[in-house]
Amino acid sequence: MKLFVRQSAAVAIVDITGRIVHGETAALRNTIRELIAAGDRKIVLNLSDVPYIDSSGIGELVSSFVAVRREGGTVKLLNLTRRVREVLQIVKLFTVFEIFDDEFAALETFSNPQERPRELRARAG
């Protein structure tokens, strides 16, 4: 997996290329930690070049969401491939993440004062 971070105004966009799978999630974890340490709180993960994600990858997405959220920020997902979209629907993460197919639309939501980040809530049973 390869990661490239770029900035658009106050938003960090992380372009991810390759599979997000067990044994390769550390790069994403480290990148998110570095962004948080640098003061970035508005993050978009561009998954347009991610053909596959496994349970470890899903865990890392949730972990990233929680870490950024803890610091008062939010993580949004962009350009999901069909396979990644299906996996996220199956595990019901569409109710947690804001997901966009258009980068401009995703960036616009960060400047919208009506926006309220979604919270990750544990479900019993």
Protein backbone atom coordinates (compact mmCIF):
# COMPACT_ATOMS: atom_id res chain seq x y z
CA MET A 1 0.00 0.00 0.00
CA LYS A 2 1.23 3.48 -0.88
CA LEU A 3 0.04 6.72 0.66
CA PHE A 4 0.37 10.26 -0.63
CA VAL A 5 -0.78 13.22 1.47
CA ARG A 6 -1.80 16.48 -0.14
CA GLN A 7 -3.45 19.59 1.24
CA SER A 8 -6.47 21.46 -0.06
CA ALA A 9 -6.94 24.53 2.10
CA ALA A 10 -7.28 23.19 5.67
CA VAL A 11 -8.09 19.62 4.58
CA ALA A 12 -5.55 16.80 4.38
CA ILE A 13 -6.32 14.39 1.56
CA VAL A 14 -4.68 10.98 1.79
CA ASP A 15 -4.54 9.20 -1.57
CA ILE A 16 -4.24 5.47 -0.91
CA THR A 17 -3.04 3.02 -3.56
CA GLY A 18 -3.14 -0.74 -3.08
CA ARG A 19 -4.86 -3.19 -0.79
CA ILE A 20 -5.59 -2.26 2.83
CA VAL A 21 -4.92 -5.62 4.42
CA HIS A 22 -3.39 -7.29 7.46
CA GLY A 23 0.30 -6.55 7.67
CA GLU A 24 0.03 -3.31 5.70
CA THR A 25 -2.19 -1.17 7.89
CA ALA A 26 0.71 0.35 9.87
CA ALA A 27 1.39 2.85 7.08
CA LEU A 28 -2.14 4.22 7.33
CA ARG A 29 -1.99 4.28 11.13
CA ASN A 30 1.33 6.15 11.09
CA THR A 31 0.12 8.64 8.49
CA ILE A 32 -2.99 9.45 10.53
CA ARG A 33 -0.89 9.87 13.68
CA GLU A 34 1.48 12.22 11.83
CA LEU A 35 -1.43 14.28 10.52
CA ILE A 36 -2.92 14.57 14.01
CA ALA A 37 0.47 15.56 15.45
CA ALA A 38 0.78 18.23 12.74
CA GLY A 39 -2.58 19.66 13.75
CA ASP A 40 -4.67 18.29 10.90
CA ARG A 41 -8.23 17.58 12.03
CA LYS A 42 -10.02 17.51 8.67
CA ILE A 43 -9.03 14.40 6.75
CA VAL A 44 -10.31 12.79 3.57
CA LEU A 45 -9.19 9.28 2.67
CA ASN A 46 -9.26 8.83 -1.11
CA LEU A 47 -9.82 5.13 -1.79
CA SER A 48 -10.13 5.31 -5.59
CA ASP A 49 -7.09 3.04 -6.05
CA VAL A 50 -7.93 0.54 -3.30
CA PRO A 51 -9.14 -2.69 -4.92
CA TYR A 52 -9.61 -4.63 -1.68
CA ILE A 53 -9.90 -4.16 2.08
CA ASP A 54 -9.94 -6.92 4.69
CA SER A 55 -11.06 -6.92 8.32
CA SER A 56 -7.73 -5.46 9.47
CA GLY A 57 -8.16 -2.63 6.99
CA ILE A 58 -11.69 -2.01 8.21
CA GLY A 59 -10.38 -1.95 11.76
CA GLU A 60 -7.76 0.59 10.78
CA LEU A 61 -10.35 2.85 9.12
CA VAL A 62 -12.43 2.78 12.30
CA SER A 63 -9.34 3.33 14.43
CA SER A 64 -8.40 6.34 12.31
CA PHE A 65 -11.92 7.72 12.61
CA VAL A 66 -11.84 7.37 16.40
CA ALA A 67 -8.32 8.85 16.77
CA VAL A 68 -9.17 11.91 14.71
CA ARG A 69 -12.55 12.28 16.36
CA ARG A 70 -10.90 12.20 19.79
CA GLU A 71 -8.92 15.26 18.71
CA GLY A 72 -12.05 17.10 17.60
CA GLY A 73 -11.75 16.30 13.90
CA THR A 74 -13.37 14.09 11.34
CA VAL A 75 -12.44 11.59 8.63
CA LYS A 76 -14.43 11.26 5.43
CA LEU A 77 -14.09 8.68 2.67
CA LEU A 78 -13.83 9.44 -1.02
CA ASN A 79 -14.16 7.46 -4.27
CA LEU A 80 -14.83 3.98 -2.96
CA THR A 81 -14.27 1.19 -5.44
CA ARG A 82 -17.16 -1.23 -5.93
CA ARG A 83 -15.56 -3.94 -3.81
CA VAL A 84 -14.67 -1.59 -0.92
CA ARG A 85 -18.16 -0.06 -1.07
CA GLU A 86 -19.73 -3.53 -0.77
CA VAL A 87 -17.59 -4.43 2.24
CA LEU A 88 -18.39 -1.17 4.03
CA GLN A 89 -22.09 -1.70 3.39
CA ILE A 90 -21.94 -5.24 4.77
CA VAL A 91 -20.28 -4.11 8.01
CA LYS A 92 -22.64 -1.11 8.21
CA LEU A 93 -19.94 1.57 8.21
CA PHE A 94 -22.03 3.73 5.88
CA THR A 95 -23.76 4.88 9.06
CA VAL A 96 -20.43 5.99 10.57
CA PHE A 97 -18.45 7.57 7.74
CA GLU A 98 -19.52 10.29 5.38
CA ILE A 99 -18.79 8.92 1.93
CA PHE A 100 -18.37 10.93 -1.26
CA ASP A 101 -17.86 10.24 -4.95
CA ASP A 102 -16.75 13.81 -5.67
CA GLU A 103 -13.70 15.41 -4.08
CA PHE A 104 -15.04 18.95 -4.37
CA ALA A 105 -18.27 17.94 -2.61
CA ALA A 106 -16.32 16.28 0.19
CA LEU A 107 -14.14 19.36 0.69
CA GLU A 108 -17.16 21.67 0.66
CA THR A 109 -18.72 19.86 3.62
CA PHE A 110 -15.82 20.89 5.84
CA SER A 111 -16.69 24.55 5.37
CA ASN A 112 -20.43 24.05 5.89
CA PRO A 113 -21.37 25.25 9.41
CA GLN A 114 -24.42 22.94 9.38
CA GLU A 115 -22.19 19.87 9.20
CA ARG A 116 -22.21 17.62 12.24
CA PRO A 117 -19.69 14.76 12.30
CA ARG A 118 -21.16 11.36 12.95
CA GLU A 119 -20.23 9.52 16.07
CA LEU A 120 -19.09 5.94 16.33
CA ARG A 121 -21.37 4.20 18.77
CA ALA A 122 -21.02 0.66 20.07
CA ARG A 123 -24.11 -1.42 19.61
CA ALA A 124 -25.17 -3.93 22.20
CA GLY A 125 -26.25 -7.41 21.30
